Amino acid sequence: MAKSTKRSGGSVHLRKDGRWEGRFVVGYDQRGYPKTKNCLARTKKECLEKLKALRASYEAPEKKAHPMGPGMTFGEWMDFWYRNYCRPGLRPNTQGAYEAMIYKHILPALGQIPLGKLSQLDLQQFYAQLKTSGRLTRQELYGPGLSDRTVRSCHANCRAALGKAVEEGLIAANPADSCRLPPKKSREMQVLNREELQRLLIQAKAEGCYELFLLELSTGLRRGELLALQWEDLNEETGELRVERQVTRTGGQLVVSTPKTKASVRTLVLPSPVVEALLTYRATVRSRWMFPSPKKEDSPRDPASCRKKLETILERAGCRRVRFHE
């Protein structure tokens, strides 16, 4: 394959199918990874011309005068970047997580620093502080510091916002590019043994939510997926369970939506004993929701209440404290 040829900030290369492909970076996503656009042509010359035109179409809007002044702070720029570049592409239930990260962690610590004077050292010290004493709630459960994953997410937002500032010509270089981050590692799973699972289900029956936790143990569904199930999703004859929606709490309200990815819409086959338990349970439910709210019959159960219920059951059953999806 021919080597890539740099031109106008992009590159072209010959594909295996004989066509030429042009590609250039248009920005960075919330994890700091580049986002690209491409074009195809039969000849290299045609591809270069298409690439030049494509790049010009993306650069044209950015030649307009920027609404932010040259003396803005990093906080002002981060707020502008989030509202205009980041938030429009986020699902409503994801916005809360981003806003908590930006407005509760990043801006209080770094917001008053002038954008042009924000340094790699400022960012590095901020990440270290998050690791040691950044947690604002539930410190009694998880300790004073935030997880490596959360620290990396804060960095991704800073890097993306600063990357956009570079593209806009507001700063010369991105100070987040060379920061050292905590390593990517999965949190060790805490798994209940067979005896603990039996005690959990016995206690769940006493608490009136046996079928909910039986189904969770049988499928491993996400909490939002489990609580968004309706009776029409269950095929009583085949035992097939269709998963095609999720429930989340957004802005103080329960919101039912489709999953983020197509792969999340799927069909599971339940064991016969689980199907039998669900059908027996169905006779006691007067709602289209499989697990309705105890307060509102035609509303799904709140995911937060489900997490709290698990904590209560584990404590009363004498089991180790584990997260819902463990």
C-alpha atoms as a PDB file:
ATOM      1  CA  MET A   1       0.000   0.000   0.000  1.00  0.00           C
ATOM      2  CA  ALA A   2       1.272   3.507  -0.826  1.00  0.00           C
ATOM      3  CA  LYS A   3       2.546   5.656   1.990  1.00  0.00           C
ATOM      4  CA  SER A   4       0.349   8.420   3.327  1.00  0.00           C
ATOM      5  CA  THR A   5       0.919  11.855   1.838  1.00  0.00           C
ATOM      6  CA  LYS A   6       0.519  14.857   4.146  1.00  0.00           C
ATOM      7  CA  ARG A   7      -1.242  17.873   2.735  1.00  0.00           C
ATOM      8  CA  SER A   8      -3.416  20.652   4.211  1.00  0.00           C
ATOM      9  CA  GLY A   9      -3.269  19.037   7.636  1.00  0.00           C
ATOM     10  CA  GLY A  10      -4.724  15.752   6.363  1.00  0.00           C
ATOM     11  CA  SER A  11      -3.466  12.589   4.712  1.00  0.00           C
ATOM     12  CA  VAL A  12      -4.303  10.379   1.738  1.00  0.00           C
ATOM     13  CA  HIS A  13      -3.551   6.727   1.139  1.00  0.00           C
ATOM     14  CA  LEU A  14      -4.344   4.012  -1.365  1.00  0.00           C
ATOM     15  CA  ARG A  15      -6.862   1.426  -0.168  1.00  0.00           C
ATOM     16  CA  LYS A  16      -6.816  -2.273  -0.963  1.00  0.00           C
ATOM     17  CA  ASP A  17      -9.849  -1.837  -3.210  1.00  0.00           C
ATOM     18  CA  GLY A  18      -7.890   0.540  -5.471  1.00  0.00           C
ATOM     19  CA  ARG A  19      -9.538   3.758  -4.338  1.00  0.00           C
ATOM     20  CA  TRP A  20      -7.791   6.673  -2.618  1.00  0.00           C
ATOM     21  CA  GLU A  21      -8.945   7.762   0.830  1.00  0.00           C
ATOM     22  CA  GLY A  22      -8.368  11.188   2.380  1.00  0.00           C
ATOM     23  CA  ARG A  23      -8.695  11.755   6.118  1.00  0.00           C
ATOM     24  CA  PHE A  24      -8.192  14.597   8.590  1.00  0.00           C
ATOM     25  CA  VAL A  25      -8.824  15.273  12.291  1.00  0.00           C
ATOM     26  CA  VAL A  26     -11.784  17.537  13.086  1.00  0.00           C
ATOM     27  CA  GLY A  27     -11.504  17.452  16.886  1.00  0.00           C
ATOM     28  CA  TYR A  28     -11.405  15.204  19.928  1.00  0.00           C
ATOM     29  CA  ASP A  29     -14.099  13.286  21.782  1.00  0.00           C
ATOM     30  CA  GLN A  30     -14.729  13.368  25.526  1.00  0.00           C
ATOM     31  CA  ARG A  31     -12.068  10.710  26.120  1.00  0.00           C
ATOM     32  CA  GLY A  32      -9.471  12.707  24.233  1.00  0.00           C
ATOM     33  CA  TYR A  33      -9.464  10.480  21.136  1.00  0.00           C
ATOM     34  CA  PRO A  34      -9.351  12.154  17.699  1.00  0.00           C
ATOM     35  CA  LYS A  35     -12.509  12.421  15.574  1.00  0.00           C
ATOM     36  CA  THR A  36     -11.874  12.213  11.835  1.00  0.00           C
ATOM     37  CA  LYS A  37     -13.670  12.823   8.536  1.00  0.00           C
ATOM     38  CA  ASN A  38     -12.817  11.096   5.266  1.00  0.00           C
ATOM     39  CA  CYS A  39     -13.476  11.163   1.534  1.00  0.00           C
ATOM     40  CA  LEU A  40     -12.961   8.632  -1.302  1.00  0.00           C
ATOM     41  CA  ALA A  41     -11.868   9.080  -4.930  1.00  0.00           C
ATOM     42  CA  ARG A  42     -10.620   7.014  -7.876  1.00  0.00           C
ATOM     43  CA  THR A  43      -7.365   8.998  -8.304  1.00  0.00           C
ATOM     44  CA  LYS A  44      -4.921  10.575  -5.904  1.00  0.00           C
ATOM     45  CA  LYS A  45      -5.348  14.011  -7.461  1.00  0.00           C
ATOM     46  CA  GLU A  46      -9.120  13.855  -7.143  1.00  0.00           C
ATOM     47  CA  CYS A  47      -8.793  12.665  -3.559  1.00  0.00           C
ATOM     48  CA  LEU A  48      -6.534  15.606  -2.636  1.00  0.00           C
ATOM     49  CA  GLU A  49      -9.026  18.036  -4.149  1.00  0.00           C
ATOM     50  CA  LYS A  50     -11.934  16.446  -2.263  1.00  0.00           C
ATOM     51  CA  LEU A  51      -9.948  16.465   0.966  1.00  0.00           C
ATOM     52  CA  LYS A  52      -9.133  20.155   0.558  1.00  0.00           C
ATOM     53  CA  ALA A  53     -12.795  21.008  -0.060  1.00  0.00           C
ATOM     54  CA  LEU A  54     -13.965  18.840   2.835  1.00  0.00           C
ATOM     55  CA  ARG A  55     -11.527  20.434   5.247  1.00  0.00           C
ATOM     56  CA  ALA A  56     -12.514  23.927   4.072  1.00  0.00           C
ATOM     57  CA  SER A  57     -16.182  23.126   4.797  1.00  0.00           C
ATOM     58  CA  TYR A  58     -15.301  22.311   8.410  1.00  0.00           C
ATOM     59  CA  GLU A  59     -12.913  25.226   8.883  1.00  0.00           C
ATOM     60  CA  ALA A  60     -15.246  27.901   7.494  1.00  0.00           C
ATOM     61  CA  PRO A  61     -17.450  28.288  10.619  1.00  0.00           C
ATOM     62  CA  GLU A  62     -14.394  28.584  12.843  1.00  0.00           C
ATOM     63  CA  LYS A  63     -13.109  31.642  11.009  1.00  0.00           C
ATOM     64  CA  LYS A  64     -15.857  33.728  12.578  1.00  0.00           C
ATOM     65  CA  ALA A  65     -14.954  35.980  15.492  1.00  0.00           C
ATOM     66  CA  HIS A  66     -15.032  34.035  18.727  1.00  0.00           C
ATOM     67  CA  PRO A  67     -17.525  35.278  21.331  1.00  0.00           C
ATOM     68  CA  MET A  68     -15.063  34.771  24.199  1.00  0.00           C
ATOM     69  CA  GLY A  69     -12.541  37.513  24.977  1.00  0.00           C
ATOM     70  CA  PRO A  70      -8.756  37.041  25.049  1.00  0.00           C
ATOM     71  CA  GLY A  71      -8.624  37.481  28.841  1.00  0.00           C
ATOM     72  CA  MET A  72     -11.090  34.711  29.669  1.00  0.00           C
ATOM     73  CA  THR A  73     -10.468  32.249  32.475  1.00  0.00           C
ATOM     74  CA  PHE A  74     -10.279  28.500  32.012  1.00  0.00           C
ATOM     75  CA  GLY A  75     -13.619  28.246  33.823  1.00  0.00           C
ATOM     76  CA  GLU A  76     -15.313  30.583  31.362  1.00  0.00           C
ATOM     77  CA  TRP A  77     -13.925  28.651  28.427  1.00  0.00           C
ATOM     78  CA  MET A  78     -14.804  25.254  29.919  1.00  0.00           C
ATOM     79  CA  ASP A  79     -18.389  26.405  30.513  1.00  0.00           C
ATOM     80  CA  PHE A  80     -18.652  27.763  26.950  1.00  0.00           C
ATOM     81  CA  TRP A  81     -17.097  24.588  25.484  1.00  0.00           C
ATOM     82  CA  TYR A  82     -19.465  22.316  27.411  1.00  0.00           C
ATOM     83  CA  ARG A  83     -22.638  24.217  26.532  1.00  0.00           C
ATOM     84  CA  ASN A  84     -21.821  24.736  22.845  1.00  0.00           C
ATOM     85  CA  TYR A  85     -19.636  21.815  21.776  1.00  0.00           C
ATOM     86  CA  CYS A  86     -20.142  19.018  24.288  1.00  0.00           C
ATOM     87  CA  ARG A  87     -23.681  19.072  25.694  1.00  0.00           C
ATOM     88  CA  PRO A  88     -25.541  19.059  22.335  1.00  0.00           C
ATOM     89  CA  GLY A  89     -24.162  15.588  21.598  1.00  0.00           C
ATOM     90  CA  LEU A  90     -24.941  14.048  24.984  1.00  0.00           C
ATOM     91  CA  ARG A  91     -27.978  12.010  25.958  1.00  0.00           C
ATOM     92  CA  PRO A  92     -30.046  13.683  28.728  1.00  0.00           C
ATOM     93  CA  ASN A  93     -29.168  10.998  31.265  1.00  0.00           C
ATOM     94  CA  THR A  94     -25.454  11.504  30.543  1.00  0.00           C
ATOM     95  CA  GLN A  95     -25.462  15.272  30.971  1.00  0.00           C
ATOM     96  CA  GLY A  96     -25.777  15.029  34.748  1.00  0.00           C
ATOM     97  CA  ALA A  97     -22.553  13.055  35.051  1.00  0.00           C
ATOM     98  CA  TYR A  98     -20.646  15.516  32.859  1.00  0.00           C
ATOM     99  CA  GLU A  99     -22.017  18.542  34.685  1.00  0.00           C
ATOM    100  CA  ALA A 100     -21.156  17.103  38.095  1.00  0.00           C
ATOM    101  CA  MET A 101     -17.604  16.466  36.910  1.00  0.00           C
ATOM    102  CA  ILE A 102     -17.172  19.925  35.359  1.00  0.00           C
ATOM    103  CA  TYR A 103     -19.038  22.149  37.811  1.00  0.00           C
ATOM    104  CA  LYS A 104     -18.290  20.314  41.071  1.00  0.00           C
ATOM    105  CA  HIS A 105     -14.674  19.293  40.465  1.00  0.00           C
ATOM    106  CA  ILE A 106     -12.933  20.986  37.544  1.00  0.00           C
ATOM    107  CA  LEU A 107     -14.221  24.574  37.790  1.00  0.00           C
ATOM    108  CA  PRO A 108     -13.894  24.999  41.580  1.00  0.00           C
ATOM    109  CA  ALA A 109     -10.248  23.913  41.382  1.00  0.00           C
ATOM    110  CA  LEU A 110      -9.079  25.414  38.076  1.00  0.00           C
ATOM    111  CA  GLY A 111     -11.798  27.804  36.940  1.00  0.00           C
ATOM    112  CA  GLN A 112     -10.143  31.064  38.073  1.00  0.00           C
ATOM    113  CA  ILE A 113      -6.862  30.456  36.220  1.00  0.00           C
ATOM    114  CA  PRO A 114      -6.549  32.501  32.999  1.00  0.00           C
ATOM    115  CA  LEU A 115      -6.916  30.208  30.005  1.00  0.00           C
ATOM    116  CA  GLY A 116      -3.564  31.236  28.556  1.00  0.00           C
ATOM    117  CA  LYS A 117      -1.733  30.589  31.829  1.00  0.00           C
ATOM    118  CA  LEU A 118      -3.146  27.159  32.688  1.00  0.00           C
ATOM    119  CA  SER A 119      -0.152  24.808  32.850  1.00  0.00           C
ATOM    120  CA  GLN A 120       0.519  21.107  32.855  1.00  0.00           C
ATOM    121  CA  LEU A 121       1.586  21.453  36.510  1.00  0.00           C
ATOM    122  CA  ASP A 122      -1.793  22.970  37.423  1.00  0.00           C
ATOM    123  CA  LEU A 123      -3.555  20.000  35.857  1.00  0.00           C
ATOM    124  CA  GLN A 124      -1.178  17.444  37.362  1.00  0.00           C
ATOM    125  CA  GLN A 125      -1.665  18.849  40.876  1.00  0.00           C
ATOM    126  CA  PHE A 126      -5.435  18.867  40.343  1.00  0.00           C
ATOM    127  CA  TYR A 127      -5.448  15.181  39.371  1.00  0.00           C
ATOM    128  CA  ALA A 128      -3.334  14.323  42.430  1.00  0.00           C
ATOM    129  CA  GLN A 129      -5.784  16.173  44.677  1.00  0.00           C
ATOM    130  CA  LEU A 130      -8.713  14.256  43.177  1.00  0.00           C
ATOM    131  CA  LYS A 131      -6.968  10.985  43.998  1.00  0.00           C
ATOM    132  CA  THR A 132      -6.315  11.887  47.636  1.00  0.00           C
ATOM    133  CA  SER A 133      -9.302  14.023  48.716  1.00  0.00           C
ATOM    134  CA  GLY A 134     -11.586  14.676  45.758  1.00  0.00           C
ATOM    135  CA  ARG A 135     -14.667  12.713  46.792  1.00  0.00           C
ATOM    136  CA  LEU A 136     -17.540  14.978  47.837  1.00  0.00           C
ATOM    137  CA  THR A 137     -20.096  12.383  48.951  1.00  0.00           C
ATOM    138  CA  ARG A 138     -20.226   8.842  50.420  1.00  0.00           C
ATOM    139  CA  GLN A 139     -16.722   9.035  51.812  1.00  0.00           C
ATOM    140  CA  GLU A 140     -17.684   6.573  54.531  1.00  0.00           C
ATOM    141  CA  LEU A 141     -18.187   3.914  51.844  1.00  0.00           C
ATOM    142  CA  TYR A 142     -15.473   4.651  49.291  1.00  0.00           C
ATOM    143  CA  GLY A 143     -12.874   6.764  51.087  1.00  0.00           C
ATOM    144  CA  PRO A 144     -11.805  10.399  50.528  1.00  0.00           C
ATOM    145  CA  GLY A 145     -10.277   9.974  47.057  1.00  0.00           C
ATOM    146  CA  LEU A 146     -11.888   9.483  43.654  1.00  0.00           C
ATOM    147  CA  SER A 147     -11.294   6.417  41.508  1.00  0.00           C
ATOM    148  CA  ASP A 148      -8.684   6.251  38.751  1.00  0.00           C
ATOM    149  CA  ARG A 149     -11.495   6.085  36.224  1.00  0.00           C
ATOM    150  CA  THR A 150     -13.054   9.336  37.453  1.00  0.00           C
ATOM    151  CA  VAL A 151      -9.690  11.091  37.418  1.00  0.00           C
ATOM    152  CA  ARG A 152      -9.130   9.959  33.841  1.00  0.00           C
ATOM    153  CA  SER A 153     -12.605  11.207  32.907  1.00  0.00           C
ATOM    154  CA  CYS A 154     -11.855  14.648  34.368  1.00  0.00           C
ATOM    155  CA  HIS A 155      -8.634  14.713  32.354  1.00  0.00           C
ATOM    156  CA  ALA A 156     -10.486  13.733  29.170  1.00  0.00           C
ATOM    157  CA  ASN A 157     -12.840  16.695  29.587  1.00  0.00           C
ATOM    158  CA  CYS A 158      -9.991  19.108  30.266  1.00  0.00           C
ATOM    159  CA  ARG A 159      -8.017  17.818  27.307  1.00  0.00           C
ATOM    160  CA  ALA A 160     -10.989  18.001  24.935  1.00  0.00           C
ATOM    161  CA  ALA A 161     -11.871  21.559  26.001  1.00  0.00           C
ATOM    162  CA  LEU A 162      -8.260  22.695  25.732  1.00  0.00           C
ATOM    163  CA  GLY A 163      -7.894  20.936  22.389  1.00  0.00           C
ATOM    164  CA  LYS A 164     -10.814  22.962  21.077  1.00  0.00           C
ATOM    165  CA  ALA A 165      -9.196  26.131  22.435  1.00  0.00           C
ATOM    166  CA  VAL A 166      -6.081  25.285  20.388  1.00  0.00           C
ATOM    167  CA  GLU A 167      -8.219  24.798  17.262  1.00  0.00           C
ATOM    168  CA  GLU A 168      -9.878  28.178  17.891  1.00  0.00           C
ATOM    169  CA  GLY A 169      -6.479  29.859  18.183  1.00  0.00           C
ATOM    170  CA  LEU A 170      -7.089  30.853  21.809  1.00  0.00           C
ATOM    171  CA  ILE A 171      -3.968  29.077  23.115  1.00  0.00           C
ATOM    172  CA  ALA A 172      -0.848  27.859  21.346  1.00  0.00           C
ATOM    173  CA  ALA A 173      -0.621  24.343  22.821  1.00  0.00           C
ATOM    174  CA  ASN A 174      -2.678  21.934  24.897  1.00  0.00           C
ATOM    175  CA  PRO A 175      -1.188  21.666  28.428  1.00  0.00           C
ATOM    176  CA  ALA A 176      -3.135  18.445  29.048  1.00  0.00           C
ATOM    177  CA  ASP A 177      -1.368  16.500  26.295  1.00  0.00           C
ATOM    178  CA  SER A 178       1.611  15.404  28.406  1.00  0.00           C
ATOM    179  CA  CYS A 179      -0.076  14.820  31.770  1.00  0.00           C
ATOM    180  CA  ARG A 180       0.604  11.567  33.583  1.00  0.00           C
ATOM    181  CA  LEU A 181      -2.566   9.699  34.516  1.00  0.00           C
ATOM    182  CA  PRO A 182      -3.498   6.795  36.789  1.00  0.00           C
ATOM    183  CA  PRO A 183      -3.258   3.482  34.922  1.00  0.00           C
ATOM    184  CA  LYS A 184      -6.333   1.926  33.371  1.00  0.00           C
ATOM    185  CA  LYS A 185      -7.407  -0.928  35.594  1.00  0.00           C
ATOM    186  CA  SER A 186     -10.644  -2.638  36.419  1.00  0.00           C
ATOM    187  CA  ARG A 187     -11.987  -2.544  39.940  1.00  0.00           C
ATOM    188  CA  GLU A 188     -11.726  -5.958  41.563  1.00  0.00           C
ATOM    189  CA  MET A 189     -15.090  -7.681  41.627  1.00  0.00           C
ATOM    190  CA  GLN A 190     -16.584  -8.772  44.939  1.00  0.00           C
ATOM    191  CA  VAL A 191     -18.600 -11.914  44.250  1.00  0.00           C
ATOM    192  CA  LEU A 192     -21.034 -13.536  46.677  1.00  0.00           C
ATOM    193  CA  ASN A 193     -20.635 -17.269  47.242  1.00  0.00           C
ATOM    194  CA  ARG A 194     -23.472 -19.802  46.927  1.00  0.00           C
ATOM    195  CA  GLU A 195     -24.448 -19.624  50.597  1.00  0.00           C
ATOM    196  CA  GLU A 196     -24.556 -15.821  50.535  1.00  0.00           C
ATOM    197  CA  LEU A 197     -26.694 -15.866  47.390  1.00  0.00           C
ATOM    198  CA  GLN A 198     -29.178 -18.166  49.085  1.00  0.00           C
ATOM    199  CA  ARG A 199     -29.361 -15.858  52.108  1.00  0.00           C
ATOM    200  CA  LEU A 200     -29.785 -12.864  49.788  1.00  0.00           C
ATOM    201  CA  LEU A 201     -32.759 -14.441  47.988  1.00  0.00           C
ATOM    202  CA  ILE A 202     -34.374 -15.518  51.272  1.00  0.00           C
ATOM    203  CA  GLN A 203     -34.084 -11.986  52.605  1.00  0.00           C
ATOM    204  CA  ALA A 204     -35.270 -10.530  49.267  1.00  0.00           C
ATOM    205  CA  LYS A 205     -38.435 -12.629  49.567  1.00  0.00           C
ATOM    206  CA  ALA A 206     -38.988 -11.251  53.067  1.00  0.00           C
ATOM    207  CA  GLU A 207     -38.516  -7.722  51.679  1.00  0.00           C
ATOM    208  CA  GLY A 208     -41.034  -8.318  48.851  1.00  0.00           C
ATOM    209  CA  CYS A 209     -38.594  -8.139  45.938  1.00  0.00           C
ATOM    210  CA  TYR A 210     -37.586 -11.772  45.404  1.00  0.00           C
ATOM    211  CA  GLU A 211     -38.475 -11.864  41.696  1.00  0.00           C
ATOM    212  CA  LEU A 212     -36.496  -8.697  40.967  1.00  0.00           C
ATOM    213  CA  PHE A 213     -33.258 -10.066  42.399  1.00  0.00           C
ATOM    214  CA  LEU A 214     -33.879 -13.572  41.050  1.00  0.00           C
ATOM    215  CA  LEU A 215     -34.150 -12.142  37.539  1.00  0.00           C
ATOM    216  CA  GLU A 216     -31.039 -10.000  38.055  1.00  0.00           C
ATOM    217  CA  LEU A 217     -29.013 -12.988  39.243  1.00  0.00           C
ATOM    218  CA  SER A 218     -30.220 -14.963  36.211  1.00  0.00           C
ATOM    219  CA  THR A 219     -29.460 -12.323  33.569  1.00  0.00           C
ATOM    220  CA  GLY A 220     -26.929  -9.779  34.841  1.00  0.00           C
ATOM    221  CA  LEU A 221     -28.979  -6.931  33.372  1.00  0.00           C
ATOM    222  CA  ARG A 222     -28.012  -3.346  34.097  1.00  0.00           C
ATOM    223  CA  ARG A 223     -30.143  -1.838  36.821  1.00  0.00           C
ATOM    224  CA  GLY A 224     -31.804   0.614  34.420  1.00  0.00           C
ATOM    225  CA  GLU A 225     -32.569  -2.182  31.942  1.00  0.00           C
ATOM    226  CA  LEU A 226     -34.043  -4.424  34.619  1.00  0.00           C
ATOM    227  CA  LEU A 227     -36.396  -1.773  35.963  1.00  0.00           C
ATOM    228  CA  ALA A 228     -37.533  -0.715  32.457  1.00  0.00           C
ATOM    229  CA  LEU A 229     -38.909  -4.195  31.645  1.00  0.00           C
ATOM    230  CA  GLN A 230     -42.602  -4.493  30.815  1.00  0.00           C
ATOM    231  CA  TRP A 231     -44.691  -7.647  30.784  1.00  0.00           C
ATOM    232  CA  GLU A 232     -45.008  -7.461  27.010  1.00  0.00           C
ATOM    233  CA  ASP A 233     -41.237  -8.012  26.816  1.00  0.00           C
ATOM    234  CA  LEU A 234     -41.613 -11.564  28.174  1.00  0.00           C
ATOM    235  CA  ASN A 235     -42.667 -14.433  25.907  1.00  0.00           C
ATOM    236  CA  GLU A 236     -44.337 -16.851  28.309  1.00  0.00           C
ATOM    237  CA  GLU A 237     -44.087 -19.828  25.934  1.00  0.00           C
ATOM    238  CA  THR A 238     -40.451 -19.565  24.872  1.00  0.00           C
ATOM    239  CA  GLY A 239     -39.023 -17.830  27.937  1.00  0.00           C
ATOM    240  CA  GLU A 240     -37.511 -15.114  25.736  1.00  0.00           C
ATOM    241  CA  LEU A 241     -37.033 -11.720  27.350  1.00  0.00           C
ATOM    242  CA  ARG A 242     -36.633  -8.668  25.118  1.00  0.00           C
ATOM    243  CA  VAL A 243     -34.406  -5.859  26.438  1.00  0.00           C
ATOM    244  CA  GLU A 244     -35.043  -2.644  24.498  1.00  0.00           C
ATOM    245  CA  ARG A 245     -35.282   0.271  26.946  1.00  0.00           C
ATOM    246  CA  GLN A 246     -33.722   1.671  30.102  1.00  0.00           C
ATOM    247  CA  VAL A 247     -34.863   3.928  32.924  1.00  0.00           C
ATOM    248  CA  THR A 248     -32.675   6.626  34.473  1.00  0.00           C
ATOM    249  CA  ARG A 249     -33.174   9.585  36.782  1.00  0.00           C
ATOM    250  CA  THR A 250     -32.431  12.845  34.971  1.00  0.00           C
ATOM    251  CA  GLY A 251     -33.048  16.289  36.422  1.00  0.00           C
ATOM    252  CA  GLY A 252     -35.038  14.794  39.296  1.00  0.00           C
ATOM    253  CA  GLN A 253     -37.368  12.909  36.937  1.00  0.00           C
ATOM    254  CA  LEU A 254     -37.472   9.277  35.810  1.00  0.00           C
ATOM    255  CA  VAL A 255     -36.773   9.050  32.086  1.00  0.00           C
ATOM    256  CA  VAL A 256     -37.364   5.955  29.932  1.00  0.00           C
ATOM    257  CA  SER A 257     -35.208   5.811  26.804  1.00  0.00           C
ATOM    258  CA  THR A 258     -33.595   3.419  24.363  1.00  0.00           C
ATOM    259  CA  PRO A 259     -30.143   2.020  25.236  1.00  0.00           C
ATOM    260  CA  LYS A 260     -27.039   3.861  24.055  1.00  0.00           C
ATOM    261  CA  THR A 261     -25.930   1.215  21.555  1.00  0.00           C
ATOM    262  CA  LYS A 262     -27.664  -1.202  19.183  1.00  0.00           C
ATOM    263  CA  ALA A 263     -25.886  -4.104  20.881  1.00  0.00           C
ATOM    264  CA  SER A 264     -27.714  -3.274  24.113  1.00  0.00           C
ATOM    265  CA  VAL A 265     -31.046  -4.099  22.437  1.00  0.00           C
ATOM    266  CA  ARG A 266     -31.106  -7.871  22.735  1.00  0.00           C
ATOM    267  CA  THR A 267     -33.148 -10.972  23.527  1.00  0.00           C
ATOM    268  CA  LEU A 268     -32.326 -13.313  26.424  1.00  0.00           C
ATOM    269  CA  VAL A 269     -33.663 -16.791  27.112  1.00  0.00           C
ATOM    270  CA  LEU A 270     -34.615 -17.328  30.759  1.00  0.00           C
ATOM    271  CA  PRO A 271     -34.367 -20.643  32.643  1.00  0.00           C
ATOM    272  CA  SER A 272     -37.740 -22.348  33.104  1.00  0.00           C
ATOM    273  CA  PRO A 273     -37.796 -21.947  36.931  1.00  0.00           C
ATOM    274  CA  VAL A 274     -37.267 -18.195  36.535  1.00  0.00           C
ATOM    275  CA  VAL A 275     -40.110 -17.950  33.996  1.00  0.00           C
ATOM    276  CA  GLU A 276     -42.410 -19.884  36.336  1.00  0.00           C
ATOM    277  CA  ALA A 277     -41.531 -17.590  39.234  1.00  0.00           C
ATOM    278  CA  LEU A 278     -42.222 -14.502  37.118  1.00  0.00           C
ATOM    279  CA  LEU A 279     -45.605 -15.813  35.928  1.00  0.00           C
ATOM    280  CA  THR A 280     -46.659 -16.551  39.498  1.00  0.00           C
ATOM    281  CA  TYR A 281     -45.511 -13.082  40.516  1.00  0.00           C
ATOM    282  CA  ARG A 282     -47.371 -11.504  37.593  1.00  0.00           C
ATOM    283  CA  ALA A 283     -50.718 -12.413  39.134  1.00  0.00           C
ATOM    284  CA  THR A 284     -49.920 -10.002  41.983  1.00  0.00           C
ATOM    285  CA  VAL A 285     -48.956  -7.041  39.775  1.00  0.00           C
ATOM    286  CA  ARG A 286     -51.455  -4.556  38.329  1.00  0.00           C
ATOM    287  CA  SER A 287     -49.088  -2.620  36.106  1.00  0.00           C
ATOM    288  CA  ARG A 288     -47.576  -2.864  32.634  1.00  0.00           C
ATOM    289  CA  TRP A 289     -44.171  -2.550  34.323  1.00  0.00           C
ATOM    290  CA  MET A 290     -42.647  -5.764  35.572  1.00  0.00           C
ATOM    291  CA  PHE A 291     -41.281  -4.007  38.664  1.00  0.00           C
ATOM    292  CA  PRO A 292     -43.468  -0.926  39.213  1.00  0.00           C
ATOM    293  CA  SER A 293     -42.883   1.834  41.720  1.00  0.00           C
ATOM    294  CA  PRO A 294     -44.382   1.091  45.151  1.00  0.00           C
ATOM    295  CA  LYS A 295     -45.842   4.625  45.068  1.00  0.00           C
ATOM    296  CA  LYS A 296     -46.984   4.947  41.432  1.00  0.00           C
ATOM    297  CA  GLU A 297     -48.468   1.849  39.838  1.00  0.00           C
ATOM    298  CA  ASP A 298     -47.934   3.037  36.256  1.00  0.00           C
ATOM    299  CA  SER A 299     -44.333   4.121  36.777  1.00  0.00           C
ATOM    300  CA  PRO A 300     -41.176   1.987  36.849  1.00  0.00           C
ATOM    301  CA  ARG A 301     -39.213   1.609  40.031  1.00  0.00           C
ATOM    302  CA  ASP A 302     -36.506   4.181  40.733  1.00  0.00           C
ATOM    303  CA  PRO A 303     -32.992   2.768  40.120  1.00  0.00           C
ATOM    304  CA  ALA A 304     -31.728   4.589  43.228  1.00  0.00           C
ATOM    305  CA  SER A 305     -34.305   2.879  45.446  1.00  0.00           C
ATOM    306  CA  CYS A 306     -33.273  -0.478  43.999  1.00  0.00           C
ATOM    307  CA  ARG A 307     -29.636   0.147  44.982  1.00  0.00           C
ATOM    308  CA  LYS A 308     -30.665   1.151  48.504  1.00  0.00           C
ATOM    309  CA  LYS A 309     -32.873  -1.933  48.781  1.00  0.00           C
ATOM    310  CA  LEU A 310     -29.913  -4.147  47.904  1.00  0.00           C
ATOM    311  CA  GLU A 311     -27.803  -2.508  50.622  1.00  0.00           C
ATOM    312  CA  THR A 312     -30.541  -3.217  53.168  1.00  0.00           C
ATOM    313  CA  ILE A 313     -30.948  -6.842  52.068  1.00  0.00           C
ATOM    314  CA  LEU A 314     -27.206  -7.528  52.156  1.00  0.00           C
ATOM    315  CA  GLU A 315     -26.908  -6.096  55.652  1.00  0.00           C
ATOM    316  CA  ARG A 316     -29.899  -8.005  57.036  1.00  0.00           C
ATOM    317  CA  ALA A 317     -28.804 -11.236  55.321  1.00  0.00           C
ATOM    318  CA  GLY A 318     -25.301 -10.977  56.774  1.00  0.00           C
ATOM    319  CA  CYS A 319     -23.669 -10.819  53.328  1.00  0.00           C
ATOM    320  CA  ARG A 320     -20.665  -8.872  52.158  1.00  0.00           C
ATOM    321  CA  ARG A 321     -21.373  -5.433  50.738  1.00  0.00           C
ATOM    322  CA  VAL A 322     -21.231  -5.606  46.937  1.00  0.00           C
ATOM    323  CA  ARG A 323     -22.323  -3.308  44.126  1.00  0.00           C
ATOM    324  CA  PHE A 324     -25.568  -4.071  42.284  1.00  0.00           C
ATOM    325  CA  HIS A 325     -23.873  -5.437  39.151  1.00  0.00           C
ATOM    326  CA  GLU A 326     -21.542  -7.663  41.149  1.00  0.00           C
END
